[in-house]
Amino acid sequence: MHNCSLDAKIRVNLEAQVVETQAEAKKKPAEKKKATADGPKPKRLKKTNDEKKSSSTSNKPKRPLTAFFIFMNDFRKTFKTEHNG
């Protein structure tokens, strides 16, 4: 059974929590600045193309062939033999 009044109470409660978190965010901008001003963030090193390829794709297995590719492999063989290819 559905209780609309319960849904309304939950919705009002959630909206009140959202308003409170927004108000807290507006009140404390100085604290956020102090936290980020402690020290500079270390810069990330960019990987070259070779490093990206070797780390992510070298150990991954290939995906299995789809039905279309299996069909095309067979069709290609028959087409070449029929058309002197």
PDB file of N, CA and C in Angstrom:
ATOM      1  N   MET A   1       0.853  -1.181   0.000  1.00  0.00           N
ATOM      2  CA  MET A   1       0.000   0.000   0.000  1.00  0.00           C
ATOM      3  C   MET A   1       0.890   1.231   0.000  1.00  0.00           C
ATOM      4  N   HIS A   2       0.486   2.221  -0.736  1.00  0.00           N
ATOM      5  CA  HIS A   2       1.285   3.424  -0.897  1.00  0.00           C
ATOM      6  C   HIS A   2       0.802   4.509   0.062  1.00  0.00           C
ATOM      7  N   ASN A   3       1.745   5.181   0.702  1.00  0.00           N
ATOM      8  CA  ASN A   3       1.397   6.199   1.672  1.00  0.00           C
ATOM      9  C   ASN A   3       1.961   7.531   1.177  1.00  0.00           C
ATOM     10  N   CYS A   4       1.102   8.358   0.626  1.00  0.00           N
ATOM     11  CA  CYS A   4       1.536   9.633   0.055  1.00  0.00           C
ATOM     12  C   CYS A   4       2.061  10.593   1.110  1.00  0.00           C
ATOM     13  N   SER A   5       1.477  10.565   2.289  1.00  0.00           N
ATOM     14  CA  SER A   5       1.929  11.492   3.326  1.00  0.00           C
ATOM     15  C   SER A   5       3.349  11.144   3.765  1.00  0.00           C
ATOM     16  N   LEU A   6       3.683   9.870   3.785  1.00  0.00           N
ATOM     17  CA  LEU A   6       5.033   9.456   4.141  1.00  0.00           C
ATOM     18  C   LEU A   6       6.028   9.925   3.075  1.00  0.00           C
ATOM     19  N   ASP A   7       5.650   9.786   1.811  1.00  0.00           N
ATOM     20  CA  ASP A   7       6.509  10.275   0.730  1.00  0.00           C
ATOM     21  C   ASP A   7       6.725  11.788   0.830  1.00  0.00           C
ATOM     22  N   ALA A   8       5.686  12.507   1.164  1.00  0.00           N
ATOM     23  CA  ALA A   8       5.798  13.956   1.290  1.00  0.00           C
ATOM     24  C   ALA A   8       6.729  14.327   2.440  1.00  0.00           C
ATOM     25  N   LYS A   9       6.632  13.613   3.549  1.00  0.00           N
ATOM     26  CA  LYS A   9       7.510  13.889   4.696  1.00  0.00           C
ATOM     27  C   LYS A   9       8.968  13.615   4.340  1.00  0.00           C
ATOM     28  N   ILE A  10       9.205  12.515   3.638  1.00  0.00           N
ATOM     29  CA  ILE A  10      10.574  12.181   3.238  1.00  0.00           C
ATOM     30  C   ILE A  10      11.120  13.238   2.285  1.00  0.00           C
ATOM     31  N   ARG A  11      10.303  13.656   1.338  1.00  0.00           N
ATOM     32  CA  ARG A  11      10.732  14.657   0.359  1.00  0.00           C
ATOM     33  C   ARG A  11      11.071  15.976   1.046  1.00  0.00           C
ATOM     34  N   VAL A  12      10.238  16.416   1.999  1.00  0.00           N
ATOM     35  CA  VAL A  12      10.484  17.665   2.721  1.00  0.00           C
ATOM     36  C   VAL A  12      11.770  17.549   3.529  1.00  0.00           C
ATOM     37  N   ASN A  13      12.000  16.402   4.150  1.00  0.00           N
ATOM     38  CA  ASN A  13      13.192  16.194   4.946  1.00  0.00           C
ATOM     39  C   ASN A  13      14.443  16.242   4.057  1.00  0.00           C
ATOM     40  N   LEU A  14      14.388  15.600   2.912  1.00  0.00           N
ATOM     41  CA  LEU A  14      15.531  15.614   1.999  1.00  0.00           C
ATOM     42  C   LEU A  14      15.815  17.021   1.476  1.00  0.00           C
ATOM     43  N   GLU A  15      14.758  17.747   1.139  1.00  0.00           N
ATOM     44  CA  GLU A  15      14.939  19.116   0.660  1.00  0.00           C
ATOM     45  C   GLU A  15      15.559  19.991   1.744  1.00  0.00           C
ATOM     46  N   ALA A  16      15.162  19.790   2.993  1.00  0.00           N
ATOM     47  CA  ALA A  16      15.727  20.559   4.101  1.00  0.00           C
ATOM     48  C   ALA A  16      17.208  20.246   4.259  1.00  0.00           C
ATOM     49  N   GLN A  17      17.594  18.971   4.089  1.00  0.00           N
ATOM     50  CA  GLN A  17      19.004  18.600   4.192  1.00  0.00           C
ATOM     51  C   GLN A  17      19.816  19.231   3.073  1.00  0.00           C
ATOM     52  N   VAL A  18      19.254  19.293   1.867  1.00  0.00           N
ATOM     53  CA  VAL A  18      19.957  19.895   0.742  1.00  0.00           C
ATOM     54  C   VAL A  18      20.163  21.381   0.984  1.00  0.00           C
ATOM     55  N   VAL A  19      19.136  22.046   1.505  1.00  0.00           N
ATOM     56  CA  VAL A  19      19.247  23.478   1.787  1.00  0.00           C
ATOM     57  C   VAL A  19      20.302  23.719   2.861  1.00  0.00           C
ATOM     58  N   GLU A  20      20.346  22.850   3.876  1.00  0.00           N
ATOM     59  CA  GLU A  20      21.336  23.025   4.946  1.00  0.00           C
ATOM     60  C   GLU A  20      22.753  22.850   4.416  1.00  0.00           C
ATOM     61  N   THR A  21      22.979  21.877   3.565  1.00  0.00           N
ATOM     62  CA  THR A  21      24.331  21.659   3.045  1.00  0.00           C
ATOM     63  C   THR A  21      24.750  22.809   2.145  1.00  0.00           C
ATOM     64  N   GLN A  22      23.816  23.370   1.390  1.00  0.00           N
ATOM     65  CA  GLN A  22      24.145  24.524   0.568  1.00  0.00           C
ATOM     66  C   GLN A  22      24.467  25.733   1.439  1.00  0.00           C
ATOM     67  N   ALA A  23      23.736  25.907   2.523  1.00  0.00           N
ATOM     68  CA  ALA A  23      23.990  27.025   3.424  1.00  0.00           C
ATOM     69  C   ALA A  23      25.346  26.858   4.094  1.00  0.00           C
ATOM     70  N   GLU A  24      25.699  25.635   4.472  1.00  0.00           N
ATOM     71  CA  GLU A  24      27.002  25.395   5.083  1.00  0.00           C
ATOM     72  C   GLU A  24      28.123  25.677   4.092  1.00  0.00           C
ATOM     73  N   ALA A  25      27.914  25.356   2.854  1.00  0.00           N
ATOM     74  CA  ALA A  25      28.929  25.586   1.834  1.00  0.00           C
ATOM     75  C   ALA A  25      29.137  27.087   1.620  1.00  0.00           C
ATOM     76  N   LYS A  26      28.070  27.858   1.717  1.00  0.00           N
ATOM     77  CA  LYS A  26      28.185  29.305   1.539  1.00  0.00           C
ATOM     78  C   LYS A  26      28.843  29.959   2.742  1.00  0.00           C
ATOM     79  N   LYS A  27      28.647  29.420   3.932  1.00  0.00           N
ATOM     80  CA  LYS A  27      29.191  30.029   5.139  1.00  0.00           C
ATOM     81  C   LYS A  27      30.688  29.819   5.283  1.00  0.00           C
ATOM     82  N   LYS A  28      31.248  28.747   4.735  1.00  0.00           N
ATOM     83  CA  LYS A  28      32.626  28.386   5.001  1.00  0.00           C
ATOM     84  C   LYS A  28      33.544  28.430   3.781  1.00  0.00           C
ATOM     85  N   PRO A  29      33.514  29.479   2.978  1.00  0.00           N
ATOM     86  CA  PRO A  29      34.440  29.496   1.847  1.00  0.00           C
ATOM     87  C   PRO A  29      35.874  29.756   2.290  1.00  0.00           C
ATOM     88  N   ALA A  30      36.072  30.462   3.412  1.00  0.00           N
ATOM     89  CA  ALA A  30      37.424  30.753   3.887  1.00  0.00           C
ATOM     90  C   ALA A  30      38.118  29.469   4.343  1.00  0.00           C
ATOM     91  N   GLU A  31      37.386  28.577   4.963  1.00  0.00           N
ATOM     92  CA  GLU A  31      37.982  27.327   5.415  1.00  0.00           C
ATOM     93  C   GLU A  31      38.423  26.465   4.245  1.00  0.00           C
ATOM     94  N   LYS A  32      37.656  26.493   3.173  1.00  0.00           N
ATOM     95  CA  LYS A  32      38.036  25.721   1.999  1.00  0.00           C
ATOM     96  C   LYS A  32      39.321  26.260   1.389  1.00  0.00           C
ATOM     97  N   LYS A  33      39.467  27.566   1.356  1.00  0.00           N
ATOM     98  CA  LYS A  33      40.672  28.165   0.792  1.00  0.00           C
ATOM     99  C   LYS A  33      41.891  27.823   1.641  1.00  0.00           C
ATOM    100  N   LYS A  34      41.734  27.821   2.953  1.00  0.00           N
ATOM    101  CA  LYS A  34      42.857  27.495   3.831  1.00  0.00           C
ATOM    102  C   LYS A  34      43.310  26.061   3.626  1.00  0.00           C
ATOM    103  N   ALA A  35      42.368  25.168   3.420  1.00  0.00           N
ATOM    104  CA  ALA A  35      42.711  23.759   3.258  1.00  0.00           C
ATOM    105  C   ALA A  35      43.492  23.534   1.969  1.00  0.00           C
ATOM    106  N   THR A  36      43.167  24.256   0.923  1.00  0.00           N
ATOM    107  CA  THR A  36      43.857  24.064  -0.346  1.00  0.00           C
ATOM    108  C   THR A  36      45.166  24.840  -0.397  1.00  0.00           C
ATOM    109  N   ALA A  37      45.330  25.812   0.462  1.00  0.00           N
ATOM    110  CA  ALA A  37      46.535  26.635   0.426  1.00  0.00           C
ATOM    111  C   ALA A  37      47.678  26.026   1.246  1.00  0.00           C
ATOM    112  N   ASP A  38      47.500  24.838   1.813  1.00  0.00           N
ATOM    113  CA  ASP A  38      48.542  24.224   2.629  1.00  0.00           C
ATOM    114  C   ASP A  38      49.809  23.955   1.816  1.00  0.00           C
ATOM    115  N   GLY A  39      49.655  23.487   0.628  1.00  0.00           N
ATOM    116  CA  GLY A  39      50.820  23.201  -0.193  1.00  0.00           C
ATOM    117  C   GLY A  39      50.401  22.983  -1.632  1.00  0.00           C
ATOM    118  N   PRO A  40      51.329  23.192  -2.548  1.00  0.00           N
ATOM    119  CA  PRO A  40      50.962  22.994  -3.948  1.00  0.00           C
ATOM    120  C   PRO A  40      50.776  21.503  -4.244  1.00  0.00           C
ATOM    121  N   LYS A  41      49.855  21.231  -5.127  1.00  0.00           N
ATOM    122  CA  LYS A  41      49.624  19.846  -5.511  1.00  0.00           C
ATOM    123  C   LYS A  41      50.727  19.410  -6.469  1.00  0.00           C
ATOM    124  N   PRO A  42      51.205  18.195  -6.334  1.00  0.00           N
ATOM    125  CA  PRO A  42      52.227  17.730  -7.272  1.00  0.00           C
ATOM    126  C   PRO A  42      51.619  17.544  -8.650  1.00  0.00           C
ATOM    127  N   LYS A  43      52.373  17.929  -9.660  1.00  0.00           N
ATOM    128  CA  LYS A  43      51.874  17.806 -11.022  1.00  0.00           C
ATOM    129  C   LYS A  43      51.971  16.360 -11.468  1.00  0.00           C
ATOM    130  N   ARG A  44      50.998  15.944 -12.246  1.00  0.00           N
ATOM    131  CA  ARG A  44      50.999  14.591 -12.774  1.00  0.00           C
ATOM    132  C   ARG A  44      51.852  14.550 -14.033  1.00  0.00           C
ATOM    133  N   LEU A  45      52.595  13.504 -14.154  1.00  0.00           N
ATOM    134  CA  LEU A  45      53.400  13.330 -15.338  1.00  0.00           C
ATOM    135  C   LEU A  45      52.548  12.720 -16.434  1.00  0.00           C
ATOM    136  N   LYS A  46      52.642  13.297 -17.621  1.00  0.00           N
ATOM    137  CA  LYS A  46      51.884  12.768 -18.744  1.00  0.00           C
ATOM    138  C   LYS A  46      52.645  11.605 -19.359  1.00  0.00           C
ATOM    139  N   LYS A  47      51.912  10.552 -19.666  1.00  0.00           N
ATOM    140  CA  LYS A  47      52.528   9.393 -20.288  1.00  0.00           C
ATOM    141  C   LYS A  47      52.623   9.628 -21.791  1.00  0.00           C
ATOM    142  N   THR A  48      53.685   9.123 -22.381  1.00  0.00           N
ATOM    143  CA  THR A  48      53.802   9.204 -23.828  1.00  0.00           C
ATOM    144  C   THR A  48      52.897   8.156 -24.443  1.00  0.00           C
ATOM    145  N   ASN A  49      52.710   8.213 -25.741  1.00  0.00           N
ATOM    146  CA  ASN A  49      51.831   7.268 -26.419  1.00  0.00           C
ATOM    147  C   ASN A  49      52.308   5.831 -26.241  1.00  0.00           C
ATOM    148  N   ASP A  50      53.630   5.606 -26.271  1.00  0.00           N
ATOM    149  CA  ASP A  50      54.165   4.258 -26.112  1.00  0.00           C
ATOM    150  C   ASP A  50      53.850   3.706 -24.723  1.00  0.00           C
ATOM    151  N   GLU A  51      53.977   4.547 -23.703  1.00  0.00           N
ATOM    152  CA  GLU A  51      53.710   4.097 -22.344  1.00  0.00           C
ATOM    153  C   GLU A  51      52.230   3.782 -22.151  1.00  0.00           C
ATOM    154  N   LYS A  52      51.353   4.585 -22.766  1.00  0.00           N
ATOM    155  CA  LYS A  52      49.921   4.350 -22.642  1.00  0.00           C
ATOM    156  C   LYS A  52      49.552   3.022 -23.287  1.00  0.00           C
ATOM    157  N   LYS A  53      50.057   2.776 -24.464  1.00  0.00           N
ATOM    158  CA  LYS A  53      49.707   1.554 -25.180  1.00  0.00           C
ATOM    159  C   LYS A  53      50.272   0.330 -24.489  1.00  0.00           C
ATOM    160  N   SER A  54      51.517   0.411 -24.061  1.00  0.00           N
ATOM    161  CA  SER A  54      52.144  -0.770 -23.490  1.00  0.00           C
ATOM    162  C   SER A  54      51.534  -1.150 -22.149  1.00  0.00           C
ATOM    163  N   SER A  55      51.140  -0.174 -21.357  1.00  0.00           N
ATOM    164  CA  SER A  55      50.623  -0.504 -20.031  1.00  0.00           C
ATOM    165  C   SER A  55      49.185  -1.000 -20.080  1.00  0.00           C
ATOM    166  N   SER A  56      48.382  -0.501 -20.999  1.00  0.00           N
ATOM    167  CA  SER A  56      46.971  -0.843 -20.960  1.00  0.00           C
ATOM    168  C   SER A  56      46.593  -1.970 -21.913  1.00  0.00           C
ATOM    169  N   THR A  57      47.260  -2.087 -23.057  1.00  0.00           N
ATOM    170  CA  THR A  57      46.790  -3.044 -24.050  1.00  0.00           C
ATOM    171  C   THR A  57      47.675  -4.274 -24.197  1.00  0.00           C
ATOM    172  N   SER A  58      48.845  -4.302 -23.637  1.00  0.00           N
ATOM    173  CA  SER A  58      49.748  -5.405 -23.896  1.00  0.00           C
ATOM    174  C   SER A  58      49.277  -6.703 -23.246  1.00  0.00           C
ATOM    175  N   ASN A  59      48.656  -6.642 -22.090  1.00  0.00           N
ATOM    176  CA  ASN A  59      48.275  -7.854 -21.378  1.00  0.00           C
ATOM    177  C   ASN A  59      46.808  -8.230 -21.563  1.00  0.00           C
ATOM    178  N   LYS A  60      46.053  -7.414 -22.260  1.00  0.00           N
ATOM    179  CA  LYS A  60      44.638  -7.696 -22.424  1.00  0.00           C
ATOM    180  C   LYS A  60      44.420  -8.697 -23.556  1.00  0.00           C
ATOM    181  N   PRO A  61      43.548  -9.674 -23.343  1.00  0.00           N
ATOM    182  CA  PRO A  61      43.230 -10.588 -24.436  1.00  0.00           C
ATOM    183  C   PRO A  61      42.298  -9.910 -25.432  1.00  0.00           C
ATOM    184  N   LYS A  62      42.338 -10.371 -26.680  1.00  0.00           N
ATOM    185  CA  LYS A  62      41.457  -9.804 -27.693  1.00  0.00           C
ATOM    186  C   LYS A  62      40.038 -10.311 -27.467  1.00  0.00           C
ATOM    187  N   ARG A  63      39.091  -9.517 -27.918  1.00  0.00           N
ATOM    188  CA  ARG A  63      37.705  -9.931 -27.822  1.00  0.00           C
ATOM    189  C   ARG A  63      37.431 -11.021 -28.850  1.00  0.00           C
ATOM    190  N   PRO A  64      36.464 -11.882 -28.594  1.00  0.00           N
ATOM    191  CA  PRO A  64      36.130 -12.901 -29.584  1.00  0.00           C
ATOM    192  C   PRO A  64      35.474 -12.271 -30.805  1.00  0.00           C
ATOM    193  N   LEU A  65      35.590 -12.945 -31.949  1.00  0.00           N
ATOM    194  CA  LEU A  65      35.013 -12.428 -33.178  1.00  0.00           C
ATOM    195  C   LEU A  65      33.487 -12.452 -33.098  1.00  0.00           C
ATOM    196  N   THR A  66      32.877 -11.433 -33.686  1.00  0.00           N
ATOM    197  CA  THR A  66      31.422 -11.399 -33.738  1.00  0.00           C
ATOM    198  C   THR A  66      30.958 -12.309 -34.865  1.00  0.00           C
ATOM    199  N   ALA A  67      29.673 -12.556 -34.914  1.00  0.00           N
ATOM    200  CA  ALA A  67      29.104 -13.439 -35.939  1.00  0.00           C
ATOM    201  C   ALA A  67      29.367 -12.877 -37.339  1.00  0.00           C
ATOM    202  N   PHE A  68      29.326 -11.566 -37.491  1.00  0.00           N
ATOM    203  CA  PHE A  68      29.558 -10.958 -38.802  1.00  0.00           C
ATOM    204  C   PHE A  68      30.981 -11.222 -39.281  1.00  0.00           C
ATOM    205  N   PHE A  69      31.960 -11.102 -38.402  1.00  0.00           N
ATOM    206  CA  PHE A  69      33.346 -11.322 -38.809  1.00  0.00           C
ATOM    207  C   PHE A  69      33.600 -12.788 -39.139  1.00  0.00           C
ATOM    208  N   ILE A  70      32.973 -13.693 -38.404  1.00  0.00           N
ATOM    209  CA  ILE A  70      33.111 -15.116 -38.722  1.00  0.00           C
ATOM    210  C   ILE A  70      32.519 -15.389 -40.099  1.00  0.00           C
ATOM    211  N   PHE A  71      31.348 -14.825 -40.372  1.00  0.00           N
ATOM    212  CA  PHE A  71      30.724 -14.976 -41.684  1.00  0.00           C
ATOM    213  C   PHE A  71      31.603 -14.391 -42.775  1.00  0.00           C
ATOM    214  N   MET A  72      32.147 -13.202 -42.556  1.00  0.00           N
ATOM    215  CA  MET A  72      32.963 -12.544 -43.588  1.00  0.00           C
ATOM    216  C   MET A  72      34.245 -13.318 -43.866  1.00  0.00           C
ATOM    217  N   ASN A  73      34.835 -13.941 -42.856  1.00  0.00           N
ATOM    218  CA  ASN A  73      36.040 -14.742 -43.092  1.00  0.00           C
ATOM    219  C   ASN A  73      35.727 -15.899 -44.031  1.00  0.00           C
ATOM    220  N   ASP A  74      34.620 -16.581 -43.812  1.00  0.00           N
ATOM    221  CA  ASP A  74      34.227 -17.684 -44.692  1.00  0.00           C
ATOM    222  C   ASP A  74      33.842 -17.173 -46.071  1.00  0.00           C
ATOM    223  N   PHE A  75      33.078 -16.108 -46.108  1.00  0.00           N
ATOM    224  CA  PHE A  75      32.616 -15.556 -47.388  1.00  0.00           C
ATOM    225  C   PHE A  75      33.786 -15.046 -48.219  1.00  0.00           C
ATOM    226  N   ARG A  76      34.768 -14.454 -47.566  1.00  0.00           N
ATOM    227  CA  ARG A  76      35.930 -13.931 -48.262  1.00  0.00           C
ATOM    228  C   ARG A  76      36.678 -15.053 -48.992  1.00  0.00           C
ATOM    229  N   LYS A  77      36.813 -16.192 -48.330  1.00  0.00           N
ATOM    230  CA  LYS A  77      37.498 -17.334 -48.943  1.00  0.00           C
ATOM    231  C   LYS A  77      36.748 -17.811 -50.181  1.00  0.00           C
ATOM    232  N   THR A  78      35.429 -17.969 -50.055  1.00  0.00           N
ATOM    233  CA  THR A  78      34.661 -18.451 -51.202  1.00  0.00           C
ATOM    234  C   THR A  78      34.618 -17.414 -52.315  1.00  0.00           C
ATOM    235  N   PHE A  79      34.546 -16.159 -51.977  1.00  0.00           N
ATOM    236  CA  PHE A  79      34.492 -15.106 -52.990  1.00  0.00           C
ATOM    237  C   PHE A  79      35.791 -15.042 -53.783  1.00  0.00           C
ATOM    238  N   LYS A  80      36.915 -15.190 -53.081  1.00  0.00           N
ATOM    239  CA  LYS A  80      38.227 -15.160 -53.764  1.00  0.00           C
ATOM    240  C   LYS A  80      38.379 -16.334 -54.724  1.00  0.00           C
ATOM    241  N   THR A  81      37.914 -17.503 -54.309  1.00  0.00           N
ATOM    242  CA  THR A  81      38.060 -18.667 -55.193  1.00  0.00           C
ATOM    243  C   THR A  81      37.149 -18.557 -56.396  1.00  0.00           C
ATOM    244  N   GLU A  82      35.964 -18.010 -56.235  1.00  0.00           N
ATOM    245  CA  GLU A  82      35.036 -17.859 -57.358  1.00  0.00           C
ATOM    246  C   GLU A  82      35.462 -16.774 -58.329  1.00  0.00           C
ATOM    247  N   HIS A  83      36.115 -15.757 -57.842  1.00  0.00           N
ATOM    248  CA  HIS A  83      36.469 -14.616 -58.699  1.00  0.00           C
ATOM    249  C   HIS A  83      37.960 -14.566 -58.989  1.00  0.00           C
ATOM    250  N   ASN A  84      38.646 -15.662 -58.896  1.00  0.00           N
ATOM    251  CA  ASN A  84      40.064 -15.770 -59.233  1.00  0.00           C
ATOM    252  C   ASN A  84      40.908 -14.738 -58.498  1.00  0.00           C
ATOM    253  N   GLY A  85      40.684 -14.614 -57.240  1.00  0.00           N
ATOM    254  CA  GLY A  85      41.369 -13.597 -56.474  1.00  0.00           C
ATOM    255  C   GLY A  85      42.545 -14.085 -55.787  1.00  0.00           C
TER     256      GLY A  85
END
